[in-house]
Amino acid sequence: MLKTALASGLLGFLLYYAAEHSITIAQTTNALASIPLAFVLLIEIFDKVADKNDYYNALYKQFGAGKSRASGVLISLLFAGLGMFVIIWALTGTISFSLGAIGPANIFVAGLISLYIFAPETGDDELLLWAWLGATIATKGAYITLIPMLQGLGL
């Protein structure tokens, strides 16, 4: 229940952010299509592993056992928040390489994907892969990349 409430709250924040920055469907589609396929596949695998192993409950049991329930919840939220921040940071950089600039749509899409990973029960289907394929079709493959460009490595 707590995970669902937190996921709903984060989705509300992301939608509020999108509205405040007047992010269009076209910008969202371009940002989504610009994610390299390798990242999409890694995110799908990570989502399946995260849902299967239920790290929230493991952290809660580890840090909440014998202590207050609040400490277990706080530790699991801190780890989830840190993980979401890292994913948003990595994806925003990857999207920016393809589109040329960091913008609100990049942050919005990175936030949605981060939410997709950390939201409960999303590992059963390849939702991100289907959304990426749809965005790639909508942009006529203009942003298709198989692996991300790595600055300084000439790749």
C-alpha atoms as a PDB file:
ATOM      1  CA  MET A   1       0.000   0.000   0.000  1.00  0.00           C
ATOM      2  CA  LEU A   2       2.822   2.396   0.878  1.00  0.00           C
ATOM      3  CA  LYS A   3       4.601   1.739  -2.433  1.00  0.00           C
ATOM      4  CA  THR A   4       1.405   2.433  -4.373  1.00  0.00           C
ATOM      5  CA  ALA A   5       0.782   5.668  -2.473  1.00  0.00           C
ATOM      6  CA  LEU A   6       4.356   6.826  -3.067  1.00  0.00           C
ATOM      7  CA  ALA A   7       4.221   5.914  -6.758  1.00  0.00           C
ATOM      8  CA  SER A   8       0.951   7.832  -7.104  1.00  0.00           C
ATOM      9  CA  GLY A   9       2.453  10.830  -5.339  1.00  0.00           C
ATOM     10  CA  LEU A  10       5.514  10.825  -7.592  1.00  0.00           C
ATOM     11  CA  LEU A  11       3.340  10.491 -10.692  1.00  0.00           C
ATOM     12  CA  GLY A  12       1.303  13.459  -9.478  1.00  0.00           C
ATOM     13  CA  PHE A  13       4.506  15.463  -9.017  1.00  0.00           C
ATOM     14  CA  LEU A  14       5.745  14.523 -12.512  1.00  0.00           C
ATOM     15  CA  LEU A  15       2.431  15.489 -14.108  1.00  0.00           C
ATOM     16  CA  TYR A  16       2.456  18.767 -12.182  1.00  0.00           C
ATOM     17  CA  TYR A  17       6.030  19.392 -13.408  1.00  0.00           C
ATOM     18  CA  ALA A  18       4.980  18.651 -16.992  1.00  0.00           C
ATOM     19  CA  ALA A  19       2.023  21.034 -16.755  1.00  0.00           C
ATOM     20  CA  GLU A  20       4.111  23.806 -15.192  1.00  0.00           C
ATOM     21  CA  HIS A  21       6.681  23.527 -17.989  1.00  0.00           C
ATOM     22  CA  SER A  22       4.078  23.103 -20.747  1.00  0.00           C
ATOM     23  CA  ILE A  23       5.617  19.857 -21.938  1.00  0.00           C
ATOM     24  CA  THR A  24       3.900  18.669 -25.091  1.00  0.00           C
ATOM     25  CA  ILE A  25       3.195  15.147 -26.264  1.00  0.00           C
ATOM     26  CA  ALA A  26       5.599  15.779 -29.168  1.00  0.00           C
ATOM     27  CA  GLN A  27       8.433  16.687 -26.763  1.00  0.00           C
ATOM     28  CA  THR A  28       7.679  13.636 -24.639  1.00  0.00           C
ATOM     29  CA  THR A  29       7.617  11.398 -27.716  1.00  0.00           C
ATOM     30  CA  ASN A  30      10.946  12.767 -28.971  1.00  0.00           C
ATOM     31  CA  ALA A  31      12.586  12.346 -25.574  1.00  0.00           C
ATOM     32  CA  LEU A  32      11.283   8.787 -25.230  1.00  0.00           C
ATOM     33  CA  ALA A  33      12.356   7.834 -28.771  1.00  0.00           C
ATOM     34  CA  SER A  34      15.853   9.215 -28.156  1.00  0.00           C
ATOM     35  CA  ILE A  35      16.651   6.693 -25.424  1.00  0.00           C
ATOM     36  CA  PRO A  36      19.122   4.141 -26.817  1.00  0.00           C
ATOM     37  CA  LEU A  37      17.674   0.654 -27.238  1.00  0.00           C
ATOM     38  CA  ALA A  38      20.383  -0.797 -24.984  1.00  0.00           C
ATOM     39  CA  PHE A  39      19.140   1.416 -22.121  1.00  0.00           C
ATOM     40  CA  VAL A  40      15.541   0.396 -22.754  1.00  0.00           C
ATOM     41  CA  LEU A  41      16.487  -3.279 -22.549  1.00  0.00           C
ATOM     42  CA  LEU A  42      18.616  -2.745 -19.413  1.00  0.00           C
ATOM     43  CA  ILE A  43      15.753  -0.865 -17.755  1.00  0.00           C
ATOM     44  CA  GLU A  44      13.338  -3.692 -18.589  1.00  0.00           C
ATOM     45  CA  ILE A  45      15.722  -6.236 -17.047  1.00  0.00           C
ATOM     46  CA  PHE A  46      16.307  -4.060 -13.984  1.00  0.00           C
ATOM     47  CA  ASP A  47      12.544  -3.592 -13.552  1.00  0.00           C
ATOM     48  CA  LYS A  48      11.941  -7.343 -13.659  1.00  0.00           C
ATOM     49  CA  VAL A  49      14.697  -7.974 -11.105  1.00  0.00           C
ATOM     50  CA  ALA A  50      13.481  -5.163  -8.832  1.00  0.00           C
ATOM     51  CA  ASP A  51       9.879  -6.403  -8.875  1.00  0.00           C
ATOM     52  CA  LYS A  52      10.821 -10.050  -8.434  1.00  0.00           C
ATOM     53  CA  ASN A  53      13.100  -9.445  -5.454  1.00  0.00           C
ATOM     54  CA  ASP A  54      10.966  -6.753  -3.779  1.00  0.00           C
ATOM     55  CA  TYR A  55      13.842  -4.701  -2.411  1.00  0.00           C
ATOM     56  CA  TYR A  56      11.499  -2.408  -0.480  1.00  0.00           C
ATOM     57  CA  ASN A  57      10.384  -5.195   1.827  1.00  0.00           C
ATOM     58  CA  ALA A  58      13.928  -6.551   2.143  1.00  0.00           C
ATOM     59  CA  LEU A  59      15.223  -3.139   3.213  1.00  0.00           C
ATOM     60  CA  TYR A  60      12.267  -2.660   5.534  1.00  0.00           C
ATOM     61  CA  LYS A  61      12.871  -6.014   7.211  1.00  0.00           C
ATOM     62  CA  GLN A  62      16.627  -5.437   7.444  1.00  0.00           C
ATOM     63  CA  PHE A  63      16.484  -1.965   8.972  1.00  0.00           C
ATOM     64  CA  GLY A  64      13.083  -2.113  10.658  1.00  0.00           C
ATOM     65  CA  ALA A  65      13.540  -5.394  12.536  1.00  0.00           C
ATOM     66  CA  GLY A  66      13.763  -4.751  16.245  1.00  0.00           C
ATOM     67  CA  LYS A  67      13.566  -1.025  15.629  1.00  0.00           C
ATOM     68  CA  SER A  68      10.722   1.308  14.934  1.00  0.00           C
ATOM     69  CA  ARG A  69       8.645   0.743  11.826  1.00  0.00           C
ATOM     70  CA  ALA A  70       9.345   4.333  10.773  1.00  0.00           C
ATOM     71  CA  SER A  71      13.101   3.678  10.524  1.00  0.00           C
ATOM     72  CA  GLY A  72      12.556   0.744   8.155  1.00  0.00           C
ATOM     73  CA  VAL A  73      10.216   2.789   5.977  1.00  0.00           C
ATOM     74  CA  LEU A  74      12.603   5.755   5.994  1.00  0.00           C
ATOM     75  CA  ILE A  75      15.624   3.630   4.977  1.00  0.00           C
ATOM     76  CA  SER A  76      13.713   1.939   2.149  1.00  0.00           C
ATOM     77  CA  LEU A  77      12.468   5.342   0.929  1.00  0.00           C
ATOM     78  CA  LEU A  78      15.991   6.784   1.030  1.00  0.00           C
ATOM     79  CA  PHE A  79      17.347   3.913  -1.058  1.00  0.00           C
ATOM     80  CA  ALA A  80      14.468   4.191  -3.527  1.00  0.00           C
ATOM     81  CA  GLY A  81      14.986   7.957  -3.773  1.00  0.00           C
ATOM     82  CA  LEU A  82      18.711   7.537  -4.360  1.00  0.00           C
ATOM     83  CA  GLY A  83      18.059   4.919  -7.035  1.00  0.00           C
ATOM     84  CA  MET A  84      15.518   7.155  -8.745  1.00  0.00           C
ATOM     85  CA  PHE A  85      17.940  10.089  -8.686  1.00  0.00           C
ATOM     86  CA  VAL A  86      20.705   7.998 -10.285  1.00  0.00           C
ATOM     87  CA  ILE A  87      18.366   6.739 -13.014  1.00  0.00           C
ATOM     88  CA  ILE A  88      17.046  10.239 -13.735  1.00  0.00           C
ATOM     89  CA  TRP A  89      20.627  11.571 -13.898  1.00  0.00           C
ATOM     90  CA  ALA A  90      21.794   8.807 -16.274  1.00  0.00           C
ATOM     91  CA  LEU A  91      18.750   8.977 -18.544  1.00  0.00           C
ATOM     92  CA  THR A  92      18.689  12.761 -18.721  1.00  0.00           C
ATOM     93  CA  GLY A  93      22.288  12.706 -19.917  1.00  0.00           C
ATOM     94  CA  THR A  94      21.559   9.986 -22.459  1.00  0.00           C
ATOM     95  CA  ILE A  95      18.485  11.757 -23.829  1.00  0.00           C
ATOM     96  CA  SER A  96      20.434  15.019 -23.970  1.00  0.00           C
ATOM     97  CA  PHE A  97      23.146  13.449 -26.144  1.00  0.00           C
ATOM     98  CA  SER A  98      20.488  12.509 -28.700  1.00  0.00           C
ATOM     99  CA  LEU A  99      18.435  15.717 -28.588  1.00  0.00           C
ATOM    100  CA  GLY A 100      21.301  18.145 -27.961  1.00  0.00           C
ATOM    101  CA  ALA A 101      20.076  19.814 -24.769  1.00  0.00           C
ATOM    102  CA  ILE A 102      18.675  19.078 -21.351  1.00  0.00           C
ATOM    103  CA  GLY A 103      15.124  20.288 -21.176  1.00  0.00           C
ATOM    104  CA  PRO A 104      12.013  19.772 -19.084  1.00  0.00           C
ATOM    105  CA  ALA A 105      10.775  16.983 -21.398  1.00  0.00           C
ATOM    106  CA  ASN A 106      14.005  15.028 -20.837  1.00  0.00           C
ATOM    107  CA  ILE A 107      13.632  15.309 -17.072  1.00  0.00           C
ATOM    108  CA  PHE A 108       9.939  14.393 -17.290  1.00  0.00           C
ATOM    109  CA  VAL A 109      10.582  11.242 -19.361  1.00  0.00           C
ATOM    110  CA  ALA A 110      13.524  10.228 -17.165  1.00  0.00           C
ATOM    111  CA  GLY A 111      11.261  10.661 -14.132  1.00  0.00           C
ATOM    112  CA  LEU A 112       8.528   8.532 -15.713  1.00  0.00           C
ATOM    113  CA  ILE A 113      11.007   5.763 -16.484  1.00  0.00           C
ATOM    114  CA  SER A 114      12.433   5.934 -12.989  1.00  0.00           C
ATOM    115  CA  LEU A 115       8.894   5.657 -11.639  1.00  0.00           C
ATOM    116  CA  TYR A 116       8.305   2.690 -13.949  1.00  0.00           C
ATOM    117  CA  ILE A 117      11.243   0.869 -12.368  1.00  0.00           C
ATOM    118  CA  PHE A 118      10.374   1.626  -8.767  1.00  0.00           C
ATOM    119  CA  ALA A 119       6.580   1.384  -8.972  1.00  0.00           C
ATOM    120  CA  PRO A 120       5.149  -1.922  -7.774  1.00  0.00           C
ATOM    121  CA  GLU A 121       4.128  -4.717 -10.141  1.00  0.00           C
ATOM    122  CA  THR A 122       5.422  -3.239 -13.423  1.00  0.00           C
ATOM    123  CA  GLY A 123       7.852  -6.079 -14.170  1.00  0.00           C
ATOM    124  CA  ASP A 124       5.279  -8.409 -15.701  1.00  0.00           C
ATOM    125  CA  ASP A 125       5.137  -6.718 -19.104  1.00  0.00           C
ATOM    126  CA  GLU A 126       7.636  -4.847 -21.240  1.00  0.00           C
ATOM    127  CA  LEU A 127       5.710  -1.568 -21.088  1.00  0.00           C
ATOM    128  CA  LEU A 128       8.720   0.675 -21.621  1.00  0.00           C
ATOM    129  CA  LEU A 129       9.826  -1.317 -24.661  1.00  0.00           C
ATOM    130  CA  TRP A 130       6.358  -0.948 -26.214  1.00  0.00           C
ATOM    131  CA  ALA A 131       6.279   2.778 -25.447  1.00  0.00           C
ATOM    132  CA  TRP A 132       9.775   3.212 -26.915  1.00  0.00           C
ATOM    133  CA  LEU A 133       8.776   1.309 -30.056  1.00  0.00           C
ATOM    134  CA  GLY A 134       5.663   3.485 -30.416  1.00  0.00           C
ATOM    135  CA  ALA A 135       7.685   6.674 -29.955  1.00  0.00           C
ATOM    136  CA  THR A 136      10.289   5.436 -32.457  1.00  0.00           C
ATOM    137  CA  ILE A 137       7.554   4.737 -35.009  1.00  0.00           C
ATOM    138  CA  ALA A 138       5.960   8.147 -34.343  1.00  0.00           C
ATOM    139  CA  THR A 139       9.283   9.913 -34.936  1.00  0.00           C
ATOM    140  CA  LYS A 140       9.955   7.755 -38.026  1.00  0.00           C
ATOM    141  CA  GLY A 141      13.178   6.495 -36.436  1.00  0.00           C
ATOM    142  CA  ALA A 142      14.747   9.956 -36.329  1.00  0.00           C
ATOM    143  CA  TYR A 143      16.366   9.330 -32.925  1.00  0.00           C
ATOM    144  CA  ILE A 144      17.025   5.595 -33.076  1.00  0.00           C
ATOM    145  CA  THR A 145      20.249   4.611 -31.342  1.00  0.00           C
ATOM    146  CA  LEU A 146      21.274   1.125 -30.360  1.00  0.00           C
ATOM    147  CA  ILE A 147      23.882   1.976 -27.735  1.00  0.00           C
ATOM    148  CA  PRO A 148      24.492   5.322 -26.012  1.00  0.00           C
ATOM    149  CA  MET A 149      27.325   7.566 -27.110  1.00  0.00           C
ATOM    150  CA  LEU A 150      30.083   7.619 -24.509  1.00  0.00           C
ATOM    151  CA  GLN A 151      31.830  10.969 -24.285  1.00  0.00           C
ATOM    152  CA  GLY A 152      35.616  10.782 -24.494  1.00  0.00           C
ATOM    153  CA  LEU A 153      35.693   7.207 -25.758  1.00  0.00           C
ATOM    154  CA  GLY A 154      34.977   7.937 -29.399  1.00  0.00           C
ATOM    155  CA  LEU A 155      31.998   5.589 -29.380  1.00  0.00           C
END
